[in-house]
């Protein structure tokens, strides 16, 4: 569990949150799988040959990279 989850919480809130975090292992694991599927799906569509014909290709690539980075940050918070 990342420290950022408990920053600014009271001692009791931290204990409650840590207990809930441990109890939600299955849900967090499933969410991680779903986020990884989204990354794979987005990556596949971004790398299709059709996307290279877009005049906005560079912006689309930047958007994909930002989207992927955000999903990876969420995945890291789930561990």
N, C-alpha and C. Protein backbone atom coordinates (compact mmCIF):
# COMPACT_ATOMS: atom_id res chain seq x y z
N UNK A 1 0.85 -1.18 0.00
CA UNK A 1 0.00 0.00 0.00
C UNK A 1 0.89 1.23 0.00
N UNK A 2 0.62 2.12 -0.92
CA UNK A 2 1.42 3.35 -1.03
C UNK A 2 1.11 4.30 0.13
N UNK A 3 2.12 5.01 0.57
CA UNK A 3 1.98 5.95 1.68
C UNK A 3 0.97 7.05 1.35
N UNK A 4 0.84 7.40 0.10
CA UNK A 4 -0.08 8.48 -0.29
C UNK A 4 -1.53 8.16 0.09
N UNK A 5 -1.86 6.90 0.24
CA UNK A 5 -3.21 6.53 0.65
C UNK A 5 -3.55 7.05 2.05
N UNK A 6 -2.56 7.12 2.92
CA UNK A 6 -2.84 7.45 4.32
C UNK A 6 -2.36 8.84 4.73
N UNK A 7 -1.71 9.54 3.83
CA UNK A 7 -1.25 10.90 4.18
C UNK A 7 -2.43 11.77 4.60
N UNK A 8 -2.28 12.41 5.75
CA UNK A 8 -3.29 13.35 6.23
C UNK A 8 -4.44 12.71 6.99
N UNK A 9 -4.41 11.41 7.19
CA UNK A 9 -5.49 10.74 7.91
C UNK A 9 -5.15 10.63 9.39
N UNK A 10 -6.18 10.53 10.19
CA UNK A 10 -5.97 10.27 11.62
C UNK A 10 -5.50 8.83 11.76
N UNK A 11 -5.03 8.51 12.95
CA UNK A 11 -4.55 7.15 13.20
C UNK A 11 -5.66 6.12 12.99
N UNK A 12 -6.86 6.43 13.46
CA UNK A 12 -7.98 5.50 13.32
C UNK A 12 -8.40 5.36 11.85
N UNK A 13 -8.42 6.47 11.14
CA UNK A 13 -8.76 6.42 9.71
C UNK A 13 -7.75 5.57 8.95
N UNK A 14 -6.48 5.73 9.30
CA UNK A 14 -5.43 4.95 8.65
C UNK A 14 -5.63 3.46 8.91
N UNK A 15 -5.92 3.10 10.15
CA UNK A 15 -6.15 1.69 10.48
C UNK A 15 -7.34 1.13 9.71
N UNK A 16 -8.41 1.92 9.64
CA UNK A 16 -9.60 1.48 8.92
C UNK A 16 -9.30 1.32 7.43
N UNK A 17 -8.59 2.28 6.87
CA UNK A 17 -8.27 2.23 5.45
C UNK A 17 -7.36 1.05 5.13
N UNK A 18 -6.37 0.82 5.97
CA UNK A 18 -5.47 -0.31 5.74
C UNK A 18 -6.25 -1.63 5.78
N UNK A 19 -7.18 -1.75 6.70
CA UNK A 19 -8.00 -2.96 6.76
C UNK A 19 -8.86 -3.12 5.52
N UNK A 20 -9.46 -2.04 5.08
CA UNK A 20 -10.28 -2.08 3.86
C UNK A 20 -9.43 -2.40 2.64
N UNK A 21 -8.23 -1.86 2.60
CA UNK A 21 -7.33 -2.09 1.47
C UNK A 21 -6.99 -3.57 1.36
N UNK A 22 -6.63 -4.18 2.48
CA UNK A 22 -6.29 -5.60 2.48
C UNK A 22 -7.51 -6.44 2.10
N UNK A 23 -8.68 -6.06 2.59
CA UNK A 23 -9.90 -6.82 2.32
C UNK A 23 -10.34 -6.72 0.86
N UNK A 24 -9.86 -5.70 0.15
CA UNK A 24 -10.30 -5.50 -1.23
C UNK A 24 -9.33 -6.08 -2.26
N UNK A 25 -8.53 -7.03 -1.87
CA UNK A 25 -7.50 -7.60 -2.76
C UNK A 25 -8.09 -8.09 -4.07
N UNK A 26 -9.17 -8.83 -4.02
CA UNK A 26 -9.77 -9.39 -5.23
C UNK A 26 -10.28 -8.27 -6.14
N UNK A 27 -10.92 -7.27 -5.57
CA UNK A 27 -11.44 -6.15 -6.36
C UNK A 27 -10.30 -5.37 -6.99
N UNK A 28 -9.24 -5.11 -6.23
CA UNK A 28 -8.09 -4.38 -6.76
C UNK A 28 -7.39 -5.16 -7.86
N UNK A 29 -7.31 -6.46 -7.69
CA UNK A 29 -6.69 -7.31 -8.71
C UNK A 29 -7.50 -7.27 -10.00
N UNK A 30 -8.81 -7.35 -9.87
CA UNK A 30 -9.68 -7.31 -11.05
C UNK A 30 -9.57 -5.96 -11.74
N UNK A 31 -9.56 -4.88 -10.97
CA UNK A 31 -9.43 -3.54 -11.55
C UNK A 31 -8.10 -3.40 -12.27
N UNK A 32 -7.04 -3.93 -11.70
CA UNK A 32 -5.73 -3.90 -12.35
C UNK A 32 -5.77 -4.62 -13.70
N UNK A 33 -6.43 -5.78 -13.73
CA UNK A 33 -6.57 -6.51 -14.99
C UNK A 33 -7.34 -5.69 -16.03
N UNK A 34 -8.42 -5.06 -15.61
CA UNK A 34 -9.21 -4.24 -16.53
C UNK A 34 -8.41 -3.06 -17.07
N UNK A 35 -7.62 -2.43 -16.22
CA UNK A 35 -6.81 -1.30 -16.66
C UNK A 35 -5.73 -1.75 -17.63
N UNK A 36 -5.14 -2.90 -17.39
CA UNK A 36 -4.13 -3.44 -18.31
C UNK A 36 -4.76 -3.77 -19.66
N UNK A 37 -5.99 -4.27 -19.66
CA UNK A 37 -6.69 -4.53 -20.91
C UNK A 37 -6.93 -3.23 -21.68
N UNK A 38 -7.28 -2.17 -20.97
CA UNK A 38 -7.48 -0.88 -21.61
C UNK A 38 -6.18 -0.37 -22.24
N UNK A 39 -5.08 -0.55 -21.56
CA UNK A 39 -3.78 -0.14 -22.10
C UNK A 39 -3.48 -0.92 -23.38
N UNK A 40 -3.69 -2.23 -23.34
CA UNK A 40 -3.42 -3.07 -24.50
C UNK A 40 -4.33 -2.68 -25.68
N UNK A 41 -5.59 -2.48 -25.40
CA UNK A 41 -6.54 -2.11 -26.45
C UNK A 41 -6.18 -0.76 -27.07
N UNK A 42 -5.87 0.19 -26.24
CA UNK A 42 -5.50 1.52 -26.73
C UNK A 42 -4.21 1.46 -27.53
N UNK A 43 -3.26 0.68 -27.05
CA UNK A 43 -1.99 0.54 -27.74
C UNK A 43 -2.17 -0.08 -29.12
N UNK A 44 -3.02 -1.08 -29.20
CA UNK A 44 -3.28 -1.76 -30.47
C UNK A 44 -3.89 -0.80 -31.48
N UNK A 45 -4.87 -0.02 -31.05
CA UNK A 45 -5.52 0.90 -31.99
C UNK A 45 -4.59 2.06 -32.36
N UNK A 46 -3.75 2.48 -31.44
CA UNK A 46 -2.82 3.57 -31.70
C UNK A 46 -1.76 3.15 -32.71
N UNK A 47 -1.41 1.88 -32.72
CA UNK A 47 -0.35 1.40 -33.60
C UNK A 47 -0.85 0.88 -34.95
N UNK A 48 -2.15 1.03 -35.20
CA UNK A 48 -2.66 0.56 -36.49
C UNK A 48 -2.14 1.46 -37.60
N UNK A 49 -2.00 0.91 -38.77
CA UNK A 49 -1.47 1.67 -39.90
C UNK A 49 -2.37 2.83 -40.27
N UNK A 50 -3.68 2.70 -40.02
CA UNK A 50 -4.62 3.78 -40.33
C UNK A 50 -4.28 5.06 -39.56
N UNK A 51 -3.81 4.90 -38.34
CA UNK A 51 -3.56 6.07 -37.51
C UNK A 51 -2.43 6.94 -38.06
N UNK A 52 -1.52 6.35 -38.84
CA UNK A 52 -0.40 7.11 -39.39
C UNK A 52 -0.86 8.13 -40.44
N UNK A 53 -2.02 7.92 -41.01
CA UNK A 53 -2.54 8.82 -42.04
C UNK A 53 -3.19 10.07 -41.46
N UNK A 54 -3.35 10.11 -40.18
CA UNK A 54 -4.01 11.25 -39.55
C UNK A 54 -3.08 12.47 -39.50
N UNK A 55 -3.61 13.63 -39.88
CA UNK A 55 -2.79 14.84 -39.78
C UNK A 55 -2.51 15.23 -38.32
N UNK A 56 -3.27 14.65 -37.41
CA UNK A 56 -3.09 14.93 -35.97
C UNK A 56 -2.35 13.80 -35.28
N UNK A 57 -1.58 13.03 -36.02
CA UNK A 57 -0.93 11.84 -35.48
C UNK A 57 -0.09 12.15 -34.23
N UNK A 58 0.67 13.22 -34.27
CA UNK A 58 1.54 13.56 -33.13
C UNK A 58 0.71 13.85 -31.88
N UNK A 59 -0.41 14.55 -32.05
CA UNK A 59 -1.27 14.85 -30.90
C UNK A 59 -1.93 13.58 -30.37
N UNK A 60 -2.31 12.70 -31.28
CA UNK A 60 -2.91 11.44 -30.87
C UNK A 60 -1.91 10.59 -30.10
N UNK A 61 -0.66 10.60 -30.53
CA UNK A 61 0.38 9.85 -29.82
C UNK A 61 0.61 10.44 -28.42
N UNK A 62 0.65 11.76 -28.34
CA UNK A 62 0.84 12.41 -27.04
C UNK A 62 -0.33 12.09 -26.12
N UNK A 63 -1.53 12.07 -26.66
CA UNK A 63 -2.70 11.75 -25.86
C UNK A 63 -2.63 10.31 -25.36
N UNK A 64 -2.25 9.39 -26.23
CA UNK A 64 -2.13 7.99 -25.83
C UNK A 64 -1.09 7.83 -24.72
N UNK A 65 0.05 8.47 -24.87
CA UNK A 65 1.11 8.34 -23.88
C UNK A 65 0.65 8.88 -22.52
N UNK A 66 -0.06 10.00 -22.53
CA UNK A 66 -0.58 10.54 -21.28
C UNK A 66 -1.62 9.63 -20.65
N UNK A 67 -2.50 9.07 -21.49
CA UNK A 67 -3.53 8.14 -21.03
C UNK A 67 -2.88 6.90 -20.41
N UNK A 68 -1.90 6.35 -21.10
CA UNK A 68 -1.21 5.17 -20.61
C UNK A 68 -0.48 5.47 -19.30
N UNK A 69 0.16 6.61 -19.21
CA UNK A 69 0.87 6.98 -17.98
C UNK A 69 -0.11 7.08 -16.81
N UNK A 70 -1.28 7.68 -17.04
CA UNK A 70 -2.28 7.81 -15.98
C UNK A 70 -2.77 6.43 -15.53
N UNK A 71 -3.02 5.54 -16.48
CA UNK A 71 -3.47 4.20 -16.10
C UNK A 71 -2.40 3.46 -15.31
N UNK A 72 -1.15 3.62 -15.68
CA UNK A 72 -0.05 2.99 -14.93
C UNK A 72 0.04 3.56 -13.51
N UNK A 73 -0.20 4.86 -13.35
CA UNK A 73 -0.20 5.46 -12.01
C UNK A 73 -1.28 4.85 -11.15
N UNK A 74 -2.46 4.64 -11.73
CA UNK A 74 -3.56 4.02 -10.99
C UNK A 74 -3.19 2.60 -10.61
N UNK A 75 -2.64 1.86 -11.56
CA UNK A 75 -2.23 0.47 -11.27
C UNK A 75 -1.23 0.44 -10.12
N UNK A 76 -0.29 1.36 -10.11
CA UNK A 76 0.69 1.41 -9.02
C UNK A 76 0.04 1.72 -7.67
N UNK A 77 -1.02 2.52 -7.67
CA UNK A 77 -1.72 2.81 -6.41
C UNK A 77 -2.49 1.59 -5.89
N UNK A 78 -2.82 0.68 -6.78
CA UNK A 78 -3.59 -0.49 -6.38
C UNK A 78 -2.74 -1.57 -5.71
N UNK A 79 -1.43 -1.43 -5.76
CA UNK A 79 -0.54 -2.45 -5.20
C UNK A 79 -0.13 -2.14 -3.79
